[in-house]
PDB file of N, CA and C in Angstrom:
ATOM      1  N   MET A   1     -11.807 -20.852  -4.243  1.00  0.00           N
ATOM      2  CA  MET A   1     -11.346 -19.486  -4.401  1.00  0.00           C
ATOM      3  C   MET A   1     -12.526 -18.618  -4.804  1.00  0.00           C
ATOM      4  N   SER A   2     -12.542 -17.418  -4.270  1.00  0.00           N
ATOM      5  CA  SER A   2     -13.616 -16.476  -4.584  1.00  0.00           C
ATOM      6  C   SER A   2     -13.453 -15.936  -5.990  1.00  0.00           C
ATOM      7  N   GLY A   3     -14.530 -15.331  -6.485  1.00  0.00           N
ATOM      8  CA  GLY A   3     -14.462 -14.686  -7.788  1.00  0.00           C
ATOM      9  C   GLY A   3     -13.659 -13.407  -7.710  1.00  0.00           C
ATOM     10  N   PRO A   4     -13.435 -12.745  -8.816  1.00  0.00           N
ATOM     11  CA  PRO A   4     -12.571 -11.569  -8.854  1.00  0.00           C
ATOM     12  C   PRO A   4     -13.268 -10.273  -8.455  1.00  0.00           C
ATOM     13  N   ARG A   5     -14.252 -10.324  -7.543  1.00  0.00           N
ATOM     14  CA  ARG A   5     -14.969  -9.109  -7.185  1.00  0.00           C
ATOM     15  C   ARG A   5     -14.219  -8.231  -6.199  1.00  0.00           C
ATOM     16  N   GLY A   6     -13.437  -8.778  -5.314  1.00  0.00           N
ATOM     17  CA  GLY A   6     -12.763  -7.954  -4.316  1.00  0.00           C
ATOM     18  C   GLY A   6     -11.344  -8.389  -4.119  1.00  0.00           C
ATOM     19  N   ALA A   7     -10.634  -7.641  -3.320  1.00  0.00           N
ATOM     20  CA  ALA A   7      -9.243  -7.985  -3.039  1.00  0.00           C
ATOM     21  C   ALA A   7      -9.139  -8.454  -1.601  1.00  0.00           C
ATOM     22  N   HIS A   8      -9.899  -9.507  -1.282  1.00  0.00           N
ATOM     23  CA  HIS A   8      -9.840 -10.002   0.078  1.00  0.00           C
ATOM     24  C   HIS A   8     -10.094 -11.494   0.118  1.00  0.00           C
ATOM     25  N   GLY A   9      -9.799 -12.111   1.219  1.00  0.00           N
ATOM     26  CA  GLY A   9      -9.973 -13.531   1.436  1.00  0.00           C
ATOM     27  C   GLY A   9      -9.486 -13.842   2.828  1.00  0.00           C
ATOM     28  N   THR A  10      -9.027 -15.046   3.091  1.00  0.00           N
ATOM     29  CA  THR A  10      -8.488 -15.357   4.405  1.00  0.00           C
ATOM     30  C   THR A  10      -7.125 -15.971   4.251  1.00  0.00           C
ATOM     31  N   ALA A  11      -6.323 -15.801   5.259  1.00  0.00           N
ATOM     32  CA  ALA A  11      -5.011 -16.430   5.216  1.00  0.00           C
ATOM     33  C   ALA A  11      -5.186 -17.945   5.230  1.00  0.00           C
ATOM     34  N   ALA A  12      -6.257 -18.394   5.816  1.00  0.00           N
ATOM     35  CA  ALA A  12      -6.519 -19.825   5.844  1.00  0.00           C
ATOM     36  C   ALA A  12      -7.529 -20.218   4.777  1.00  0.00           C
ATOM     37  N   GLY A  13      -7.808 -19.344   3.854  1.00  0.00           N
ATOM     38  CA  GLY A  13      -8.790 -19.627   2.825  1.00  0.00           C
ATOM     39  C   GLY A  13      -8.503 -18.820   1.578  1.00  0.00           C
ATOM     40  N   PRO A  14      -9.504 -18.604   0.758  1.00  0.00           N
ATOM     41  CA  PRO A  14      -9.297 -17.953  -0.538  1.00  0.00           C
ATOM     42  C   PRO A  14      -8.863 -16.504  -0.445  1.00  0.00           C
ATOM     43  N   HIS A  15      -8.227 -16.070  -1.472  1.00  0.00           N
ATOM     44  CA  HIS A  15      -7.899 -14.660  -1.655  1.00  0.00           C
ATOM     45  C   HIS A  15      -8.147 -14.346  -3.118  1.00  0.00           C
ATOM     46  N   THR A  16      -8.333 -13.096  -3.415  1.00  0.00           N
ATOM     47  CA  THR A  16      -8.521 -12.719  -4.810  1.00  0.00           C
ATOM     48  C   THR A  16      -7.792 -11.432  -5.101  1.00  0.00           C
ATOM     49  N   ARG A  17      -7.545 -11.205  -6.349  1.00  0.00           N
ATOM     50  CA  ARG A  17      -6.995  -9.926  -6.783  1.00  0.00           C
ATOM     51  C   ARG A  17      -8.170  -9.004  -7.067  1.00  0.00           C
ATOM     52  N   SER A  18      -7.935  -7.738  -6.910  1.00  0.00           N
ATOM     53  CA  SER A  18      -9.018  -6.803  -7.205  1.00  0.00           C
ATOM     54  C   SER A  18      -9.300  -6.823  -8.701  1.00  0.00           C
ATOM     55  N   ALA A  19     -10.440  -6.310  -9.069  1.00  0.00           N
ATOM     56  CA  ALA A  19     -10.834  -6.283 -10.475  1.00  0.00           C
ATOM     57  C   ALA A  19      -9.822  -5.523 -11.321  1.00  0.00           C
ATOM     58  N   SER A  20      -9.130  -4.563 -10.707  1.00  0.00           N
ATOM     59  CA  SER A  20      -8.134  -3.772 -11.431  1.00  0.00           C
ATOM     60  C   SER A  20      -6.772  -4.451 -11.457  1.00  0.00           C
ATOM     61  N   GLY A  21      -6.682  -5.674 -10.894  1.00  0.00           N
ATOM     62  CA  GLY A  21      -5.399  -6.377 -10.857  1.00  0.00           C
ATOM     63  C   GLY A  21      -4.515  -5.869  -9.735  1.00  0.00           C
ATOM     64  N   GLY A  22      -5.110  -5.187  -8.766  1.00  0.00           N
ATOM     65  CA  GLY A  22      -4.372  -4.625  -7.635  1.00  0.00           C
ATOM     66  C   GLY A  22      -3.867  -5.691  -6.682  1.00  0.00           C
ATOM     67  N   PRO A  23      -3.404  -5.262  -5.539  1.00  0.00           N
ATOM     68  CA  PRO A  23      -2.790  -6.192  -4.586  1.00  0.00           C
ATOM     69  C   PRO A  23      -3.787  -7.157  -3.967  1.00  0.00           C
ATOM     70  N   VAL A  24      -3.259  -8.259  -3.499  1.00  0.00           N
ATOM     71  CA  VAL A  24      -4.038  -9.276  -2.822  1.00  0.00           C
ATOM     72  C   VAL A  24      -4.028  -8.962  -1.330  1.00  0.00           C
ATOM     73  N   THR A  25      -5.162  -9.144  -0.667  1.00  0.00           N
ATOM     74  CA  THR A  25      -5.203  -9.033   0.782  1.00  0.00           C
ATOM     75  C   THR A  25      -5.755 -10.329   1.350  1.00  0.00           C
ATOM     76  N   PHE A  26      -5.415 -10.593   2.588  1.00  0.00           N
ATOM     77  CA  PHE A  26      -5.824 -11.815   3.272  1.00  0.00           C
ATOM     78  C   PHE A  26      -6.528 -11.444   4.564  1.00  0.00           C
ATOM     79  N   LYS A  27      -7.643 -12.081   4.852  1.00  0.00           N
ATOM     80  CA  LYS A  27      -8.307 -11.894   6.130  1.00  0.00           C
ATOM     81  C   LYS A  27      -7.585 -12.747   7.151  1.00  0.00           C
ATOM     82  N   ALA A  28      -7.403 -12.193   8.327  1.00  0.00           N
ATOM     83  CA  ALA A  28      -6.715 -12.915   9.395  1.00  0.00           C
ATOM     84  C   ALA A  28      -7.356 -12.544  10.721  1.00  0.00           C
ATOM     85  N   ALA A  29      -7.015 -13.300  11.742  1.00  0.00           N
ATOM     86  CA  ALA A  29      -7.523 -13.039  13.083  1.00  0.00           C
ATOM     87  C   ALA A  29      -6.399 -13.293  14.088  1.00  0.00           C
ATOM     88  N   CYS A  30      -6.425 -12.547  15.170  1.00  0.00           N
ATOM     89  CA  CYS A  30      -5.421 -12.691  16.223  1.00  0.00           C
ATOM     90  C   CYS A  30      -5.966 -13.606  17.314  1.00  0.00           C
ATOM     91  N   PRO A  31      -5.245 -14.652  17.674  1.00  0.00           N
ATOM     92  CA  PRO A  31      -5.714 -15.531  18.747  1.00  0.00           C
ATOM     93  C   PRO A  31      -5.610 -14.873  20.126  1.00  0.00           C
ATOM     94  N   ASP A  32      -4.793 -13.837  20.260  1.00  0.00           N
ATOM     95  CA  ASP A  32      -4.632 -13.170  21.553  1.00  0.00           C
ATOM     96  C   ASP A  32      -5.767 -12.198  21.844  1.00  0.00           C
ATOM     97  N   CYS A  33      -5.981 -11.228  20.959  1.00  0.00           N
ATOM     98  CA  CYS A  33      -7.004 -10.202  21.209  1.00  0.00           C
ATOM     99  C   CYS A  33      -8.299 -10.459  20.441  1.00  0.00           C
ATOM    100  N   ARG A  34      -8.290 -11.462  19.566  1.00  0.00           N
ATOM    101  CA  ARG A  34      -9.448 -11.870  18.761  1.00  0.00           C
ATOM    102  C   ARG A  34      -9.879 -10.838  17.721  1.00  0.00           C
ATOM    103  N   ALA A  35      -9.017  -9.883  17.432  1.00  0.00           N
ATOM    104  CA  ALA A  35      -9.319  -8.899  16.386  1.00  0.00           C
ATOM    105  C   ALA A  35      -9.308  -9.597  15.033  1.00  0.00           C
ATOM    106  N   ARG A  36     -10.127  -9.105  14.110  1.00  0.00           N
ATOM    107  CA  ARG A  36     -10.154  -9.593  12.730  1.00  0.00           C
ATOM    108  C   ARG A  36      -9.790  -8.424  11.830  1.00  0.00           C
ATOM    109  N   PHE A  37      -8.992  -8.702  10.809  1.00  0.00           N
ATOM    110  CA  PHE A  37      -8.470  -7.632   9.974  1.00  0.00           C
ATOM    111  C   PHE A  37      -8.014  -8.204   8.645  1.00  0.00           C
ATOM    112  N   GLU A  38      -7.645  -7.325   7.730  1.00  0.00           N
ATOM    113  CA  GLU A  38      -7.080  -7.729   6.442  1.00  0.00           C
ATOM    114  C   GLU A  38      -5.616  -7.308   6.402  1.00  0.00           C
ATOM    115  N   LEU A  39      -4.795  -8.166   5.839  1.00  0.00           N
ATOM    116  CA  LEU A  39      -3.369  -7.898   5.695  1.00  0.00           C
ATOM    117  C   LEU A  39      -2.978  -8.034   4.235  1.00  0.00           C
ATOM    118  N   ASP A  40      -2.070  -7.192   3.786  1.00  0.00           N
ATOM    119  CA  ASP A  40      -1.560  -7.380   2.433  1.00  0.00           C
ATOM    120  C   ASP A  40      -0.425  -8.402   2.487  1.00  0.00           C
ATOM    121  N   ALA A  41      -0.010  -8.852   1.343  1.00  0.00           N
ATOM    122  CA  ALA A  41       1.000  -9.914   1.263  1.00  0.00           C
ATOM    123  C   ALA A  41       2.293  -9.534   1.973  1.00  0.00           C
ATOM    124  N   GLY A  42       2.643  -8.259   1.978  1.00  0.00           N
ATOM    125  CA  GLY A  42       3.872  -7.810   2.625  1.00  0.00           C
ATOM    126  C   GLY A  42       3.854  -7.926   4.134  1.00  0.00           C
ATOM    127  N   ALA A  43       2.683  -8.064   4.740  1.00  0.00           N
ATOM    128  CA  ALA A  43       2.569  -8.160   6.194  1.00  0.00           C
ATOM    129  C   ALA A  43       2.668  -9.607   6.687  1.00  0.00           C
ATOM    130  N   LEU A  44       2.702 -10.560   5.763  1.00  0.00           N
ATOM    131  CA  LEU A  44       2.767 -11.979   6.110  1.00  0.00           C
ATOM    132  C   LEU A  44       4.111 -12.567   5.729  1.00  0.00           C
ATOM    133  N   ARG A  45       4.523 -13.586   6.459  1.00  0.00           N
ATOM    134  CA  ARG A  45       5.730 -14.346   6.130  1.00  0.00           C
ATOM    135  C   ARG A  45       5.353 -15.820   6.148  1.00  0.00           C
ATOM    136  N   LEU A  46       5.857 -16.561   5.194  1.00  0.00           N
ATOM    137  CA  LEU A  46       5.603 -17.995   5.098  1.00  0.00           C
ATOM    138  C   LEU A  46       6.926 -18.720   5.234  1.00  0.00           C
ATOM    139  N   VAL A  47       6.962 -19.719   6.109  1.00  0.00           N
ATOM    140  CA  VAL A  47       8.155 -20.554   6.271  1.00  0.00           C
ATOM    141  C   VAL A  47       7.766 -21.969   5.898  1.00  0.00           C
ATOM    142  N   ILE A  48       8.478 -22.524   4.923  1.00  0.00           N
ATOM    143  CA  ILE A  48       8.229 -23.898   4.492  1.00  0.00           C
ATOM    144  C   ILE A  48       9.359 -24.757   5.030  1.00  0.00           C
ATOM    145  N   GLY A  49       9.006 -25.626   5.961  1.00  0.00           N
ATOM    146  CA  GLY A  49       9.994 -26.505   6.587  1.00  0.00           C
ATOM    147  C   GLY A  49       9.934 -27.903   6.009  1.00  0.00           C
ATOM    148  N   GLY A  50      10.647 -28.799   6.641  1.00  0.00           N
ATOM    149  CA  GLY A  50      10.723 -30.175   6.176  1.00  0.00           C
ATOM    150  C   GLY A  50       9.535 -31.029   6.584  1.00  0.00           C
ATOM    151  N   SER A  51       8.641 -30.480   7.424  1.00  0.00           N
ATOM    152  CA  SER A  51       7.480 -31.240   7.870  1.00  0.00           C
ATOM    153  C   SER A  51       6.298 -30.299   8.079  1.00  0.00           C
ATOM    154  N   ARG A  52       5.142 -30.884   8.378  1.00  0.00           N
ATOM    155  CA  ARG A  52       3.959 -30.060   8.641  1.00  0.00           C
ATOM    156  C   ARG A  52       4.155 -29.178   9.869  1.00  0.00           C
ATOM    157  N   ARG A  53       4.880 -29.700  10.863  1.00  0.00           N
ATOM    158  CA  ARG A  53       5.103 -28.933  12.093  1.00  0.00           C
ATOM    159  C   ARG A  53       6.012 -27.731  11.887  1.00  0.00           C
ATOM    160  N   THR A  54       6.846 -27.781  10.877  1.00  0.00           N
ATOM    161  CA  THR A  54       7.791 -26.678  10.648  1.00  0.00           C
ATOM    162  C   THR A  54       7.390 -25.798   9.466  1.00  0.00           C
ATOM    163  N   THR A  55       6.165 -25.956   8.988  1.00  0.00           N
ATOM    164  CA  THR A  55       5.645 -25.105   7.921  1.00  0.00           C
ATOM    165  C   THR A  55       4.546 -24.235   8.522  1.00  0.00           C
ATOM    166  N   PHE A  56       4.741 -22.915   8.458  1.00  0.00           N
ATOM    167  CA  PHE A  56       3.810 -22.001   9.109  1.00  0.00           C
ATOM    168  C   PHE A  56       3.845 -20.636   8.442  1.00  0.00           C
ATOM    169  N   TYR A  57       2.861 -19.817   8.751  1.00  0.00           N
ATOM    170  CA  TYR A  57       2.884 -18.418   8.339  1.00  0.00           C
ATOM    171  C   TYR A  57       2.805 -17.570   9.596  1.00  0.00           C
ATOM    172  N   SER A  58       3.303 -16.344   9.500  1.00  0.00           N
ATOM    173  CA  SER A  58       3.303 -15.477  10.668  1.00  0.00           C
ATOM    174  C   SER A  58       3.029 -14.037  10.261  1.00  0.00           C
ATOM    175  N   PHE A  59       2.584 -13.270  11.244  1.00  0.00           N
ATOM    176  CA  PHE A  59       2.317 -11.852  11.049  1.00  0.00           C
ATOM    177  C   PHE A  59       2.251 -11.198  12.419  1.00  0.00           C
ATOM    178  N   THR A  60       2.291  -9.886  12.439  1.00  0.00           N
ATOM    179  CA  THR A  60       2.119  -9.128  13.664  1.00  0.00           C
ATOM    180  C   THR A  60       0.708  -8.559  13.672  1.00  0.00           C
ATOM    181  N   CYS A  61      -0.015  -8.786  14.758  1.00  0.00           N
ATOM    182  CA  CYS A  61      -1.382  -8.288  14.863  1.00  0.00           C
ATOM    183  C   CYS A  61      -1.363  -6.760  14.863  1.00  0.00           C
ATOM    184  N   PRO A  62      -2.104  -6.129  13.954  1.00  0.00           N
ATOM    185  CA  PRO A  62      -2.123  -4.668  13.925  1.00  0.00           C
ATOM    186  C   PRO A  62      -2.886  -4.057  15.098  1.00  0.00           C
ATOM    187  N   ALA A  63      -3.697  -4.848  15.791  1.00  0.00           N
ATOM    188  CA  ALA A  63      -4.486  -4.335  16.911  1.00  0.00           C
ATOM    189  C   ALA A  63      -3.721  -4.369  18.234  1.00  0.00           C
ATOM    190  N   CYS A  64      -3.018  -5.481  18.513  1.00  0.00           N
ATOM    191  CA  CYS A  64      -2.344  -5.618  19.815  1.00  0.00           C
ATOM    192  C   CYS A  64      -0.836  -5.837  19.706  1.00  0.00           C
ATOM    193  N   ALA A  65      -0.319  -5.897  18.499  1.00  0.00           N
ATOM    194  CA  ALA A  65       1.117  -6.074  18.221  1.00  0.00           C
ATOM    195  C   ALA A  65       1.668  -7.445  18.632  1.00  0.00           C
ATOM    196  N   ALA A  66       0.791  -8.416  18.848  1.00  0.00           N
ATOM    197  CA  ALA A  66       1.250  -9.770  19.169  1.00  0.00           C
ATOM    198  C   ALA A  66       1.870 -10.419  17.934  1.00  0.00           C
ATOM    199  N   ALA A  67       2.914 -11.196  18.141  1.00  0.00           N
ATOM    200  CA  ALA A  67       3.511 -11.991  17.070  1.00  0.00           C
ATOM    201  C   ALA A  67       2.657 -13.255  16.944  1.00  0.00           C
ATOM    202  N   VAL A  68       2.078 -13.472  15.765  1.00  0.00           N
ATOM    203  CA  VAL A  68       1.172 -14.599  15.548  1.00  0.00           C
ATOM    204  C   VAL A  68       1.822 -15.582  14.597  1.00  0.00           C
ATOM    205  N   ARG A  69       1.765 -16.858  14.953  1.00  0.00           N
ATOM    206  CA  ARG A  69       2.314 -17.932  14.120  1.00  0.00           C
ATOM    207  C   ARG A  69       1.250 -19.006  14.006  1.00  0.00           C
ATOM    208  N   LYS A  70       0.912 -19.375  12.757  1.00  0.00           N
ATOM    209  CA  LYS A  70      -0.131 -20.378  12.524  1.00  0.00           C
ATOM    210  C   LYS A  70       0.382 -21.430  11.542  1.00  0.00           C
ATOM    211  N   PRO A  71      -0.055 -22.681  11.712  1.00  0.00           N
ATOM    212  CA  PRO A  71       0.372 -23.735  10.790  1.00  0.00           C
ATOM    213  C   PRO A  71      -0.150 -23.472   9.381  1.00  0.00           C
ATOM    214  N   ALA A  72       0.608 -23.933   8.402  1.00  0.00           N
ATOM    215  CA  ALA A  72       0.219 -23.754   6.998  1.00  0.00           C
ATOM    216  C   ALA A  72       0.259 -25.104   6.292  1.00  0.00           C
ATOM    217  N   GLY A  73      -0.918 -25.611   5.977  1.00  0.00           N
ATOM    218  CA  GLY A  73      -1.014 -26.836   5.187  1.00  0.00           C
ATOM    219  C   GLY A  73      -0.775 -26.532   3.718  1.00  0.00           C
ATOM    220  N   GLU A  74      -0.878 -27.554   2.899  1.00  0.00           N
ATOM    221  CA  GLU A  74      -0.591 -27.405   1.466  1.00  0.00           C
ATOM    222  C   GLU A  74      -1.437 -26.327   0.800  1.00  0.00           C
ATOM    223  N   ARG A  75      -2.726 -26.285   1.108  1.00  0.00           N
ATOM    224  CA  ARG A  75      -3.625 -25.311   0.477  1.00  0.00           C
ATOM    225  C   ARG A  75      -3.252 -23.883   0.883  1.00  0.00           C
ATOM    226  N   ILE A  76      -2.943 -23.678   2.146  1.00  0.00           N
ATOM    227  CA  ILE A  76      -2.556 -22.344   2.603  1.00  0.00           C
ATOM    228  C   ILE A  76      -1.237 -21.929   1.959  1.00  0.00           C
ATOM    229  N   VAL A  77      -0.291 -22.848   1.866  1.00  0.00           N
ATOM    230  CA  VAL A  77       0.984 -22.546   1.201  1.00  0.00           C
ATOM    231  C   VAL A  77       0.722 -22.110  -0.235  1.00  0.00           C
ATOM    232  N   GLU A  78      -0.151 -22.827  -0.920  1.00  0.00           N
ATOM    233  CA  GLU A  78      -0.490 -22.494  -2.305  1.00  0.00           C
ATOM    234  C   GLU A  78      -1.109 -21.095  -2.409  1.00  0.00           C
ATOM    235  N   LEU A  79      -2.051 -20.792  -1.534  1.00  0.00           N
ATOM    236  CA  LEU A  79      -2.716 -19.492  -1.560  1.00  0.00           C
ATOM    237  C   LEU A  79      -1.749 -18.352  -1.235  1.00  0.00           C
ATOM    238  N   LEU A  80      -0.933 -18.542  -0.213  1.00  0.00           N
ATOM    239  CA  LEU A  80      -0.010 -17.481   0.194  1.00  0.00           C
ATOM    240  C   LEU A  80       1.075 -17.238  -0.852  1.00  0.00           C
ATOM    241  N   THR A  81       1.645 -18.300  -1.392  1.00  0.00           N
ATOM    242  CA  THR A  81       2.673 -18.095  -2.411  1.00  0.00           C
ATOM    243  C   THR A  81       2.072 -17.483  -3.677  1.00  0.00           C
ATOM    244  N   GLY A  82       0.866 -17.922  -4.034  1.00  0.00           N
ATOM    245  CA  GLY A  82       0.184 -17.352  -5.191  1.00  0.00           C
ATOM    246  C   GLY A  82      -0.192 -15.904  -5.005  1.00  0.00           C
ATOM    247  N   GLY A  83      -0.345 -15.493  -3.757  1.00  0.00           N
ATOM    248  CA  GLY A  83      -0.696 -14.114  -3.446  1.00  0.00           C
ATOM    249  C   GLY A  83       0.496 -13.212  -3.217  1.00  0.00           C
ATOM    250  N   GLY A  84       1.700 -13.744  -3.421  1.00  0.00           N
ATOM    251  CA  GLY A  84       2.897 -12.913  -3.327  1.00  0.00           C
ATOM    252  C   GLY A  84       3.507 -12.795  -1.943  1.00  0.00           C
ATOM    253  N   VAL A  85       3.136 -13.670  -1.015  1.00  0.00           N
ATOM    254  CA  VAL A  85       3.708 -13.616   0.324  1.00  0.00           C
ATOM    255  C   VAL A  85       5.167 -14.077   0.283  1.00  0.00           C
ATOM    256  N   SER A  86       6.011 -13.348   0.969  1.00  0.00           N
ATOM    257  CA  SER A  86       7.429 -13.687   1.047  1.00  0.00           C
ATOM    258  C   SER A  86       7.604 -15.059   1.696  1.00  0.00           C
ATOM    259  N   THR A  87       8.416 -15.919   1.061  1.00  0.00           N
ATOM    260  CA  THR A  87       8.556 -17.289   1.506  1.00  0.00           C
ATOM    261  C   THR A  87      10.007 -17.617   1.846  1.00  0.00           C
ATOM    262  N   LEU A  88      10.189 -18.268   2.987  1.00  0.00           N
ATOM    263  CA  LEU A  88      11.503 -18.770   3.395  1.00  0.00           C
ATOM    264  C   LEU A  88      11.427 -20.285   3.420  1.00  0.00           C
ATOM    265  N   ARG A  89      12.481 -20.936   3.000  1.00  0.00           N
ATOM    266  CA  ARG A  89      12.544 -22.389   3.075  1.00  0.00           C
ATOM    267  C   ARG A  89      13.599 -22.768   4.102  1.00  0.00           C
ATOM    268  N   SER A  90      13.227 -23.639   5.033  1.00  0.00           N
ATOM    269  CA  SER A  90      14.192 -24.083   6.031  1.00  0.00           C
ATOM    270  C   SER A  90      14.468 -25.576   5.824  1.00  0.00           C
ATOM    271  N   ILE A  91      15.636 -25.997   6.243  1.00  0.00           N
ATOM    272  CA  ILE A  91      15.992 -27.402   6.081  1.00  0.00           C
ATOM    273  C   ILE A  91      16.092 -28.088   7.412  1.00  0.00           C
TER     274      ILE A  91
END
C-alpha cells in the first residue's frame, strides 16, 4: 500500500486516502479503449461469489462507456472493501 500522500492507487493494487482524510480513488484501465483513469469508490461495484470465478469488480469506462468486469482476488477484495466500494454477496 502506498503512503498517505495522495488519494489514488489502482483497482488491482494499492489505494490511499488523501492527507485530509478525503475520499479514496482507484486507478483503472479499460480493456476496450485502453483509456486509463481514476474512479472513486462509488463508481465501482464488487461482487463476492462462492468461487474465484464468481468474484469480480465492475465499472463503466468513463471514456467509451463500456461495461468492464474484472476478476477480484483476495487482495483486491480487501483493497476495494477497505476503500468503501459497494459490495454484493452472491450465493
